[in-house]
Amino acid sequence: GMAVRRVEMHAVERRADGICHDIRNRLSAAFITPIDQEDILHLAQLL
């Protein structure tokens, strides 16, 4: 069953990628952020 389960897991990982990209895009256009941009980006990348 690993062929199917692998695809299932990768679909979850792709959703995580989407949020990380969203955070990057927002930061690139942001003027004011609640905490340092570098900290937000670092945390998002680690997650």
All heavy atoms as atom14 arrays in JSON, in Angstrom:
{
  "sequence": "GMAVRRVEMHAVERRADGICHDIRNRLSAAFITPIDQEDILHLAQLL",
  "atom14_mask": [
    [1, 1, 1, 1, 0, 0, 0, 0, 0, 0, 0, 0, 0, 0],
    [1, 1, 1, 1, 1, 1, 1, 1, 0, 0, 0, 0, 0, 0],
    [1, 1, 1, 1, 1, 0, 0, 0, 0, 0, 0, 0, 0, 0],
    [1, 1, 1, 1, 1, 1, 1, 0, 0, 0, 0, 0, 0, 0],
    [1, 1, 1, 1, 1, 1, 1, 1, 1, 1, 1, 0, 0, 0],
    [1, 1, 1, 1, 1, 1, 1, 1, 1, 1, 1, 0, 0, 0],
    [1, 1, 1, 1, 1, 1, 1, 0, 0, 0, 0, 0, 0, 0],
    [1, 1, 1, 1, 1, 1, 1, 1, 1, 0, 0, 0, 0, 0],
    [1, 1, 1, 1, 1, 1, 1, 1, 0, 0, 0, 0, 0, 0],
    [1, 1, 1, 1, 1, 1, 1, 1, 1, 1, 0, 0, 0, 0],
    [1, 1, 1, 1, 1, 0, 0, 0, 0, 0, 0, 0, 0, 0],
    [1, 1, 1, 1, 1, 1, 1, 0, 0, 0, 0, 0, 0, 0],
    [1, 1, 1, 1, 1, 1, 1, 1, 1, 0, 0, 0, 0, 0],
    [1, 1, 1, 1, 1, 1, 1, 1, 1, 1, 1, 0, 0, 0],
    [1, 1, 1, 1, 1, 1, 1, 1, 1, 1, 1, 0, 0, 0],
    [1, 1, 1, 1, 1, 0, 0, 0, 0, 0, 0, 0, 0, 0],
    [1, 1, 1, 1, 1, 1, 1, 1, 0, 0, 0, 0, 0, 0],
    [1, 1, 1, 1, 0, 0, 0, 0, 0, 0, 0, 0, 0, 0],
    [1, 1, 1, 1, 1, 1, 1, 1, 0, 0, 0, 0, 0, 0],
    [1, 1, 1, 1, 1, 1, 0, 0, 0, 0, 0, 0, 0, 0],
    [1, 1, 1, 1, 1, 1, 1, 1, 1, 1, 0, 0, 0, 0],
    [1, 1, 1, 1, 1, 1, 1, 1, 0, 0, 0, 0, 0, 0],
    [1, 1, 1, 1, 1, 1, 1, 1, 0, 0, 0, 0, 0, 0],
    [1, 1, 1, 1, 1, 1, 1, 1, 1, 1, 1, 0, 0, 0],
    [1, 1, 1, 1, 1, 1, 1, 1, 0, 0, 0, 0, 0, 0],
    [1, 1, 1, 1, 1, 1, 1, 1, 1, 1, 1, 0, 0, 0],
    [1, 1, 1, 1, 1, 1, 1, 1, 0, 0, 0, 0, 0, 0],
    [1, 1, 1, 1, 1, 1, 0, 0, 0, 0, 0, 0, 0, 0],
    [1, 1, 1, 1, 1, 0, 0, 0, 0, 0, 0, 0, 0, 0],
    [1, 1, 1, 1, 1, 0, 0, 0, 0, 0, 0, 0, 0, 0],
    [1, 1, 1, 1, 1, 1, 1, 1, 1, 1, 1, 0, 0, 0],
    [1, 1, 1, 1, 1, 1, 1, 1, 0, 0, 0, 0, 0, 0],
    [1, 1, 1, 1, 1, 1, 1, 0, 0, 0, 0, 0, 0, 0],
    [1, 1, 1, 1, 1, 1, 1, 0, 0, 0, 0, 0, 0, 0],
    [1, 1, 1, 1, 1, 1, 1, 1, 0, 0, 0, 0, 0, 0],
    [1, 1, 1, 1, 1, 1, 1, 1, 0, 0, 0, 0, 0, 0],
    [1, 1, 1, 1, 1, 1, 1, 1, 1, 0, 0, 0, 0, 0],
    [1, 1, 1, 1, 1, 1, 1, 1, 1, 0, 0, 0, 0, 0],
    [1, 1, 1, 1, 1, 1, 1, 1, 0, 0, 0, 0, 0, 0],
    [1, 1, 1, 1, 1, 1, 1, 1, 0, 0, 0, 0, 0, 0],
    [1, 1, 1, 1, 1, 1, 1, 1, 0, 0, 0, 0, 0, 0],
    [1, 1, 1, 1, 1, 1, 1, 1, 1, 1, 0, 0, 0, 0],
    [1, 1, 1, 1, 1, 1, 1, 1, 0, 0, 0, 0, 0, 0],
    [1, 1, 1, 1, 1, 0, 0, 0, 0, 0, 0, 0, 0, 0],
    [1, 1, 1, 1, 1, 1, 1, 1, 1, 0, 0, 0, 0, 0],
    [1, 1, 1, 1, 1, 1, 1, 1, 0, 0, 0, 0, 0, 0],
    [1, 1, 1, 1, 1, 1, 1, 1, 0, 0, 0, 0, 0, 0]
  ],
  "atom14_positions": [
    [[0.79, -1.23, 0.0], [0.0, 0.0, 0.0], [0.82, 1.27, 0.0], [0.25, 2.37, -0.01], [0.0, 0.0, 0.0], [0.0, 0.0, 0.0], [0.0, 0.0, 0.0], [0.0, 0.0, 0.0], [0.0, 0.0, 0.0], [0.0, 0.0, 0.0], [0.0, 0.0, 0.0], [0.0, 0.0, 0.0], [0.0, 0.0, 0.0], [0.0, 0.0, 0.0]],
    [[2.15, 1.15, -0.02], [2.99, 2.35, 0.13], [2.9, 3.3, -1.05], [3.1, 4.51, -0.89], [4.44, 1.96, 0.38], [4.77, 1.69, 1.84], [4.16, 2.96, 2.99], [4.94, 4.45, 2.39], [0.0, 0.0, 0.0], [0.0, 0.0, 0.0], [0.0, 0.0, 0.0], [0.0, 0.0, 0.0], [0.0, 0.0, 0.0], [0.0, 0.0, 0.0]],
    [[2.62, 2.8, -2.23], [2.51, 3.7, -3.39], [1.38, 4.71, -3.16], [1.52, 5.9, -3.45], [2.26, 2.9, -4.67], [0.0, 0.0, 0.0], [0.0, 0.0, 0.0], [0.0, 0.0, 0.0], [0.0, 0.0, 0.0], [0.0, 0.0, 0.0], [0.0, 0.0, 0.0], [0.0, 0.0, 0.0], [0.0, 0.0, 0.0], [0.0, 0.0, 0.0]],
    [[0.27, 4.22, -2.61], [-0.88, 5.09, -2.35], [-0.61, 5.99, -1.14], [-0.89, 7.2, -1.16], [-2.15, 4.25, -2.12], [-3.31, 5.14, -1.68], [-2.51, 3.49, -3.38], [0.0, 0.0, 0.0], [0.0, 0.0, 0.0], [0.0, 0.0, 0.0], [0.0, 0.0, 0.0], [0.0, 0.0, 0.0], [0.0, 0.0, 0.0], [0.0, 0.0, 0.0]],
    [[-0.05, 5.41, -0.07], [0.19, 6.19, 1.15], [1.23, 7.29, 0.91], [1.14, 8.36, 1.48], [0.66, 5.28, 2.3], [-0.25, 4.14, 2.69], [-1.7, 4.54, 2.9], [-1.97, 5.52, 3.91], [-2.2, 5.25, 5.21], [-2.15, 4.0, 5.65], [-2.49, 6.2, 6.05], [0.0, 0.0, 0.0], [0.0, 0.0, 0.0], [0.0, 0.0, 0.0]],
    [[2.2, 6.99, 0.06], [3.21, 7.99, -0.26], [2.57, 9.21, -0.93], [2.9, 10.36, -0.62], [4.26, 7.37, -1.17], [5.25, 8.35, -1.76], [5.85, 7.8, -3.03], [6.53, 8.85, -3.78], [6.64, 8.89, -5.1], [6.09, 7.93, -5.82], [7.27, 9.86, -5.69], [0.0, 0.0, 0.0], [0.0, 0.0, 0.0], [0.0, 0.0, 0.0]],
    [[1.66, 8.95, -1.87], [0.96, 10.04, -2.57], [0.11, 10.84, -1.58], [0.04, 12.07, -1.63], [0.09, 9.49, -3.71], [-0.78, 10.58, -4.3], [0.98, 8.88, -4.8], [0.0, 0.0, 0.0], [0.0, 0.0, 0.0], [0.0, 0.0, 0.0], [0.0, 0.0, 0.0], [0.0, 0.0, 0.0], [0.0, 0.0, 0.0], [0.0, 0.0, 0.0]],
    [[-0.52, 10.12, -0.65], [-1.36, 10.76, 0.37], [-0.52, 11.7, 1.23], [-0.92, 12.85, 1.5], [-1.99, 9.66, 1.24], [-2.99, 10.17, 2.25], [-3.59, 9.04, 3.08], [-3.3, 7.86, 2.79], [-4.32, 9.36, 4.03], [0.0, 0.0, 0.0], [0.0, 0.0, 0.0], [0.0, 0.0, 0.0], [0.0, 0.0, 0.0], [0.0, 0.0, 0.0]],
    [[0.65, 11.25, 1.64], [1.53, 12.07, 2.46], [2.05, 13.27, 1.66], [2.11, 14.4, 2.18], [2.7, 11.24, 2.98], [3.74, 12.05, 3.75], [3.12, 12.78, 5.28], [3.28, 11.36, 6.37], [0.0, 0.0, 0.0], [0.0, 0.0, 0.0], [0.0, 0.0, 0.0], [0.0, 0.0, 0.0], [0.0, 0.0, 0.0], [0.0, 0.0, 0.0]],
    [[2.41, 13.03, 0.42], [2.97, 14.12, -0.38], [1.94, 15.22, -0.63], [2.31, 16.4, -0.74], [3.49, 13.58, -1.72], [4.37, 14.54, -2.44], [5.53, 15.06, -1.89], [4.26, 15.12, -3.67], [6.09, 15.89, -2.75], [5.34, 15.96, -3.82], [0.0, 0.0, 0.0], [0.0, 0.0, 0.0], [0.0, 0.0, 0.0], [0.0, 0.0, 0.0]],
    [[0.68, 14.86, -0.7], [-0.38, 15.85, -0.87], [-0.43, 16.79, 0.34], [-0.65, 18.0, 0.2], [-1.73, 15.17, -1.09], [0.0, 0.0, 0.0], [0.0, 0.0, 0.0], [0.0, 0.0, 0.0], [0.0, 0.0, 0.0], [0.0, 0.0, 0.0], [0.0, 0.0, 0.0], [0.0, 0.0, 0.0], [0.0, 0.0, 0.0], [0.0, 0.0, 0.0]],
    [[-0.23, 16.25, 1.52], [-0.18, 17.06, 2.74], [1.02, 18.0, 2.69], [0.93, 19.19, 3.0], [-0.12, 16.17, 4.0], [0.01, 17.02, 5.26], [-1.36, 15.28, 4.09], [0.0, 0.0, 0.0], [0.0, 0.0, 0.0], [0.0, 0.0, 0.0], [0.0, 0.0, 0.0], [0.0, 0.0, 0.0], [0.0, 0.0, 0.0], [0.0, 0.0, 0.0]],
    [[2.17, 17.44, 2.27], [3.39, 18.25, 2.19], [3.25, 19.4, 1.21], [3.73, 20.51, 1.46], [4.56, 17.33, 1.8], [5.92, 17.99, 1.83], [6.29, 18.67, 0.53], [5.76, 18.25, -0.52], [7.09, 19.63, 0.56], [0.0, 0.0, 0.0], [0.0, 0.0, 0.0], [0.0, 0.0, 0.0], [0.0, 0.0, 0.0], [0.0, 0.0, 0.0]],
    [[2.53, 19.17, 0.11], [2.34, 20.23, -0.88], [1.49, 21.36, -0.32], [1.7, 22.54, -0.64], [1.67, 19.65, -2.14], [2.54, 18.71, -2.95], [3.71, 19.45, -3.58], [3.28, 20.47, -4.5], [2.99, 20.26, -5.78], [3.07, 19.04, -6.3], [2.62, 21.25, -6.57], [0.0, 0.0, 0.0], [0.0, 0.0, 0.0], [0.0, 0.0, 0.0]],
    [[0.51, 21.03, 0.52], [-0.3, 22.08, 1.16], [0.56, 22.94, 2.08], [0.39, 24.15, 2.16], [-1.45, 21.44, 1.93], [-2.58, 20.99, 1.0], [-3.59, 20.09, 1.69], [-3.89, 20.52, 3.04], [-4.1, 19.68, 4.05], [-4.03, 18.38, 3.86], [-4.39, 20.15, 5.24], [0.0, 0.0, 0.0], [0.0, 0.0, 0.0], [0.0, 0.0, 0.0]],
    [[1.49, 22.29, 2.77], [2.41, 23.03, 3.63], [3.28, 23.97, 2.8], [3.53, 25.12, 3.19], [3.28, 22.07, 4.44], [0.0, 0.0, 0.0], [0.0, 0.0, 0.0], [0.0, 0.0, 0.0], [0.0, 0.0, 0.0], [0.0, 0.0, 0.0], [0.0, 0.0, 0.0], [0.0, 0.0, 0.0], [0.0, 0.0, 0.0], [0.0, 0.0, 0.0]],
    [[3.74, 23.49, 1.66], [4.53, 24.33, 0.75], [3.74, 25.56, 0.34], [4.29, 26.67, 0.26], [4.92, 23.54, -0.51], [6.08, 22.6, -0.28], [6.77, 22.74, 0.75], [6.31, 21.73, -1.13], [0.0, 0.0, 0.0], [0.0, 0.0, 0.0], [0.0, 0.0, 0.0], [0.0, 0.0, 0.0], [0.0, 0.0, 0.0], [0.0, 0.0, 0.0]],
    [[2.45, 25.37, 0.07], [1.61, 26.48, -0.38], [1.53, 27.59, 0.66], [1.6, 28.78, 0.32], [0.0, 0.0, 0.0], [0.0, 0.0, 0.0], [0.0, 0.0, 0.0], [0.0, 0.0, 0.0], [0.0, 0.0, 0.0], [0.0, 0.0, 0.0], [0.0, 0.0, 0.0], [0.0, 0.0, 0.0], [0.0, 0.0, 0.0], [0.0, 0.0, 0.0]],
    [[1.4, 27.21, 1.93], [1.33, 28.23, 2.99], [2.67, 28.94, 3.14], [2.73, 30.15, 3.32], [0.9, 27.59, 4.32], [-0.54, 27.07, 4.21], [1.01, 28.61, 5.46], [-1.04, 26.4, 5.46], [0.0, 0.0, 0.0], [0.0, 0.0, 0.0], [0.0, 0.0, 0.0], [0.0, 0.0, 0.0], [0.0, 0.0, 0.0], [0.0, 0.0, 0.0]],
    [[3.77, 28.18, 3.04], [5.09, 28.79, 3.15], [5.31, 29.81, 2.02], [5.82, 30.91, 2.26], [6.16, 27.71, 3.1], [7.81, 28.28, 3.59], [0.0, 0.0, 0.0], [0.0, 0.0, 0.0], [0.0, 0.0, 0.0], [0.0, 0.0, 0.0], [0.0, 0.0, 0.0], [0.0, 0.0, 0.0], [0.0, 0.0, 0.0], [0.0, 0.0, 0.0]],
    [[4.89, 29.47, 0.82], [4.99, 30.4, -0.31], [4.13, 31.64, -0.07], [4.53, 32.77, -0.4], [4.57, 29.72, -1.61], [5.54, 28.68, -2.09], [6.9, 28.84, -2.05], [5.33, 27.44, -2.62], [7.5, 27.77, -2.53], [6.58, 26.9, -2.87], [0.0, 0.0, 0.0], [0.0, 0.0, 0.0], [0.0, 0.0, 0.0], [0.0, 0.0, 0.0]],
    [[2.95, 31.43, 0.5], [2.05, 32.56, 0.79], [2.71, 33.52, 1.78], [2.67, 34.75, 1.61], [0.74, 32.0, 1.36], [-0.35, 33.08, 1.48], [-0.14, 34.2, 0.98], [-1.4, 32.79, 2.07], [0.0, 0.0, 0.0], [0.0, 0.0, 0.0], [0.0, 0.0, 0.0], [0.0, 0.0, 0.0], [0.0, 0.0, 0.0], [0.0, 0.0, 0.0]],
    [[3.34, 32.96, 2.81], [4.02, 33.8, 3.8], [5.15, 34.59, 3.14], [5.31, 35.79, 3.38], [4.56, 32.94, 4.96], [3.39, 32.39, 5.79], [5.51, 33.76, 5.85], [3.8, 31.4, 6.86], [0.0, 0.0, 0.0], [0.0, 0.0, 0.0], [0.0, 0.0, 0.0], [0.0, 0.0, 0.0], [0.0, 0.0, 0.0], [0.0, 0.0, 0.0]],
    [[5.93, 33.93, 2.29], [7.02, 34.63, 1.59], [6.49, 35.78, 0.73], [7.06, 36.87, 0.73], [7.78, 33.64, 0.72], [8.67, 32.68, 1.45], [9.71, 32.08, 0.52], [10.33, 30.91, 1.09], [10.02, 29.66, 0.78], [9.08, 29.42, -0.12], [10.65, 28.64, 1.35], [0.0, 0.0, 0.0], [0.0, 0.0, 0.0], [0.0, 0.0, 0.0]],
    [[5.41, 35.51, 0.01], [4.83, 36.54, -0.87], [4.33, 37.74, -0.07], [4.52, 38.9, -0.47], [3.69, 35.95, -1.7], [4.19, 34.98, -2.75], [5.35, 35.03, -3.17], [3.32, 34.08, -3.18], [0.0, 0.0, 0.0], [0.0, 0.0, 0.0], [0.0, 0.0, 0.0], [0.0, 0.0, 0.0], [0.0, 0.0, 0.0], [0.0, 0.0, 0.0]],
    [[3.68, 37.46, 1.06], [3.17, 38.55, 1.89], [4.33, 39.37, 2.47], [4.26, 40.61, 2.54], [2.31, 37.99, 3.02], [0.97, 37.43, 2.56], [0.27, 36.7, 3.7], [-0.92, 36.0, 3.24], [-2.15, 36.5, 3.3], [-2.36, 37.71, 3.83], [-3.18, 35.81, 2.87], [0.0, 0.0, 0.0], [0.0, 0.0, 0.0], [0.0, 0.0, 0.0]],
    [[5.38, 38.69, 2.9], [6.52, 39.39, 3.49], [7.23, 40.28, 2.47], [7.73, 41.35, 2.81], [7.51, 38.39, 4.08], [7.09, 37.7, 5.38], [8.11, 36.63, 5.76], [6.95, 38.71, 6.51], [0.0, 0.0, 0.0], [0.0, 0.0, 0.0], [0.0, 0.0, 0.0], [0.0, 0.0, 0.0], [0.0, 0.0, 0.0], [0.0, 0.0, 0.0]],
    [[7.27, 39.82, 1.22], [7.96, 40.59, 0.19], [7.28, 41.93, -0.09], [7.91, 42.88, -0.57], [8.05, 39.78, -1.11], [6.76, 39.58, -1.67], [0.0, 0.0, 0.0], [0.0, 0.0, 0.0], [0.0, 0.0, 0.0], [0.0, 0.0, 0.0], [0.0, 0.0, 0.0], [0.0, 0.0, 0.0], [0.0, 0.0, 0.0], [0.0, 0.0, 0.0]],
    [[5.98, 42.01, 0.23], [5.22, 43.24, -0.02], [4.88, 43.98, 1.27], [4.23, 45.02, 1.24], [3.94, 42.92, -0.78], [0.0, 0.0, 0.0], [0.0, 0.0, 0.0], [0.0, 0.0, 0.0], [0.0, 0.0, 0.0], [0.0, 0.0, 0.0], [0.0, 0.0, 0.0], [0.0, 0.0, 0.0], [0.0, 0.0, 0.0], [0.0, 0.0, 0.0]],
    [[5.32, 43.45, 2.4], [4.92, 44.02, 3.69], [5.82, 45.19, 4.09], [7.03, 45.19, 3.84], [4.95, 42.95, 4.77], [0.0, 0.0, 0.0], [0.0, 0.0, 0.0], [0.0, 0.0, 0.0], [0.0, 0.0, 0.0], [0.0, 0.0, 0.0], [0.0, 0.0, 0.0], [0.0, 0.0, 0.0], [0.0, 0.0, 0.0], [0.0, 0.0, 0.0]],
    [[5.19, 46.16, 4.72], [5.94, 47.3, 5.27], [6.07, 47.16, 6.78], [7.12, 47.41, 7.35], [5.22, 48.61, 4.92], [5.91, 49.83, 5.48], [7.16, 50.22, 5.0], [5.31, 50.58, 6.49], [7.8, 51.34, 5.53], [5.96, 51.69, 7.01], [7.2, 52.07, 6.53], [0.0, 0.0, 0.0], [0.0, 0.0, 0.0], [0.0, 0.0, 0.0]],
    [[4.99, 46.74, 7.42], [4.99, 46.55, 8.87], [4.6, 45.1, 9.17], [3.62, 44.59, 8.63], [4.0, 47.51, 9.56], [4.43, 48.96, 9.35], [3.91, 47.2, 11.05], [3.46, 49.97, 9.9], [0.0, 0.0, 0.0], [0.0, 0.0, 0.0], [0.0, 0.0, 0.0], [0.0, 0.0, 0.0], [0.0, 0.0, 0.0], [0.0, 0.0, 0.0]],
    [[5.37, 44.45, 10.04], [5.06, 43.1, 10.47], [5.07, 43.07, 12.0], [5.75, 43.88, 12.64], [6.07, 42.08, 9.92], [7.4, 42.51, 10.28], [5.97, 41.97, 8.42], [0.0, 0.0, 0.0], [0.0, 0.0, 0.0], [0.0, 0.0, 0.0], [0.0, 0.0, 0.0], [0.0, 0.0, 0.0], [0.0, 0.0, 0.0], [0.0, 0.0, 0.0]],
    [[4.34, 42.13, 12.62], [4.24, 42.11, 14.09], [5.56, 41.8, 14.78], [5.79, 42.22, 15.91], [3.2, 41.02, 14.35], [3.26, 40.14, 13.14], [3.53, 41.07, 12.0], [0.0, 0.0, 0.0], [0.0, 0.0, 0.0], [0.0, 0.0, 0.0], [0.0, 0.0, 0.0], [0.0, 0.0, 0.0], [0.0, 0.0, 0.0], [0.0, 0.0, 0.0]],
    [[6.41, 41.04, 14.12], [7.75, 40.72, 14.6], [8.69, 40.82, 13.39], [8.22, 41.03, 12.27], [7.82, 39.31, 15.23], [7.26, 38.26, 14.27], [7.09, 39.27, 16.56], [7.28, 36.84, 14.8], [0.0, 0.0, 0.0], [0.0, 0.0, 0.0], [0.0, 0.0, 0.0], [0.0, 0.0, 0.0], [0.0, 0.0, 0.0], [0.0, 0.0, 0.0]],
    [[9.98, 40.67, 13.6], [10.93, 40.81, 12.5], [10.58, 39.87, 11.35], [10.23, 38.7, 11.57], [12.35, 40.48, 12.97], [12.93, 41.58, 13.84], [12.3, 42.65, 13.93], [14.0, 41.37, 14.43], [0.0, 0.0, 0.0], [0.0, 0.0, 0.0], [0.0, 0.0, 0.0], [0.0, 0.0, 0.0], [0.0, 0.0, 0.0], [0.0, 0.0, 0.0]],
    [[10.68, 40.4, 10.13], [10.42, 39.59, 8.95], [11.3, 38.34, 8.92], [10.84, 37.25, 8.54], [10.65, 40.4, 7.68], [9.61, 41.47, 7.42], [9.71, 42.05, 6.01], [10.48, 41.57, 5.2], [8.92, 43.06, 5.74], [0.0, 0.0, 0.0], [0.0, 0.0, 0.0], [0.0, 0.0, 0.0], [0.0, 0.0, 0.0], [0.0, 0.0, 0.0]],
    [[12.56, 38.5, 9.32], [13.49, 37.37, 9.3], [13.02, 36.25, 10.21], [13.16, 35.06, 9.89], [14.89, 37.83, 9.72], [15.58, 38.76, 8.74], [15.11, 40.21, 8.88], [14.29, 40.49, 9.79], [15.56, 41.04, 8.07], [0.0, 0.0, 0.0], [0.0, 0.0, 0.0], [0.0, 0.0, 0.0], [0.0, 0.0, 0.0], [0.0, 0.0, 0.0]],
    [[12.45, 36.62, 11.37], [11.96, 35.6, 12.31], [10.73, 34.88, 11.76], [10.6, 33.66, 11.92], [11.63, 36.25, 13.66], [12.88, 36.71, 14.4], [13.95, 36.13, 14.16], [12.77, 37.66, 15.2], [0.0, 0.0, 0.0], [0.0, 0.0, 0.0], [0.0, 0.0, 0.0], [0.0, 0.0, 0.0], [0.0, 0.0, 0.0], [0.0, 0.0, 0.0]],
    [[9.84, 35.63, 11.14], [8.65, 35.0, 10.53], [9.09, 34.03, 9.44], [8.62, 32.89, 9.37], [7.7, 36.06, 9.94], [7.15, 36.97, 11.04], [6.55, 35.39, 9.18], [6.35, 38.16, 10.51], [0.0, 0.0, 0.0], [0.0, 0.0, 0.0], [0.0, 0.0, 0.0], [0.0, 0.0, 0.0], [0.0, 0.0, 0.0], [0.0, 0.0, 0.0]],
    [[9.99, 34.48, 8.58], [10.45, 33.65, 7.47], [11.19, 32.42, 7.97], [10.98, 31.31, 7.45], [11.36, 34.48, 6.55], [11.85, 33.78, 5.27], [10.67, 33.35, 4.41], [12.76, 34.71, 4.48], [0.0, 0.0, 0.0], [0.0, 0.0, 0.0], [0.0, 0.0, 0.0], [0.0, 0.0, 0.0], [0.0, 0.0, 0.0], [0.0, 0.0, 0.0]],
    [[12.04, 32.61, 8.97], [12.8, 31.49, 9.52], [11.87, 30.44, 10.12], [12.03, 29.23, 9.87], [13.77, 32.01, 10.58], [14.81, 31.0, 11.0], [15.69, 31.22, 12.03], [15.11, 29.76, 10.52], [16.48, 30.18, 12.17], [16.15, 29.28, 11.28], [0.0, 0.0, 0.0], [0.0, 0.0, 0.0], [0.0, 0.0, 0.0], [0.0, 0.0, 0.0]],
    [[10.89, 30.89, 10.89], [9.95, 29.96, 11.51], [9.11, 29.24, 10.46], [8.91, 28.02, 10.54], [9.04, 30.71, 12.49], [8.03, 29.88, 13.27], [8.71, 28.77, 14.04], [7.21, 30.77, 14.2], [0.0, 0.0, 0.0], [0.0, 0.0, 0.0], [0.0, 0.0, 0.0], [0.0, 0.0, 0.0], [0.0, 0.0, 0.0], [0.0, 0.0, 0.0]],
    [[8.65, 29.98, 9.46], [7.85, 29.38, 8.39], [8.66, 28.32, 7.64], [8.14, 27.24, 7.31], [7.37, 30.45, 7.42], [0.0, 0.0, 0.0], [0.0, 0.0, 0.0], [0.0, 0.0, 0.0], [0.0, 0.0, 0.0], [0.0, 0.0, 0.0], [0.0, 0.0, 0.0], [0.0, 0.0, 0.0], [0.0, 0.0, 0.0], [0.0, 0.0, 0.0]],
    [[9.93, 28.6, 7.39], [10.78, 27.64, 6.67], [11.02, 26.39, 7.51], [11.0, 25.26, 6.99], [12.11, 28.29, 6.3], [12.99, 27.41, 5.42], [12.3, 27.04, 4.11], [11.95, 27.91, 3.32], [12.08, 25.75, 3.89], [0.0, 0.0, 0.0], [0.0, 0.0, 0.0], [0.0, 0.0, 0.0], [0.0, 0.0, 0.0], [0.0, 0.0, 0.0]],
    [[11.24, 26.57, 8.81], [11.45, 25.41, 9.68], [10.21, 24.52, 9.73], [10.32, 23.29, 9.69], [11.84, 25.88, 11.09], [13.27, 26.4, 11.25], [13.43, 27.07, 12.61], [14.27, 25.26, 11.11], [0.0, 0.0, 0.0], [0.0, 0.0, 0.0], [0.0, 0.0, 0.0], [0.0, 0.0, 0.0], [0.0, 0.0, 0.0], [0.0, 0.0, 0.0]],
    [[9.04, 25.13, 9.84], [7.81, 24.35, 9.86], [7.62, 23.61, 8.54], [7.17, 22.45, 8.51], [6.61, 25.26, 10.13], [6.53, 25.84, 11.55], [5.43, 26.89, 11.65], [6.31, 24.74, 12.58], [0.0, 0.0, 0.0], [0.0, 0.0, 0.0], [0.0, 0.0, 0.0], [0.0, 0.0, 0.0], [0.0, 0.0, 0.0], [0.0, 0.0, 0.0]]
  ]
}
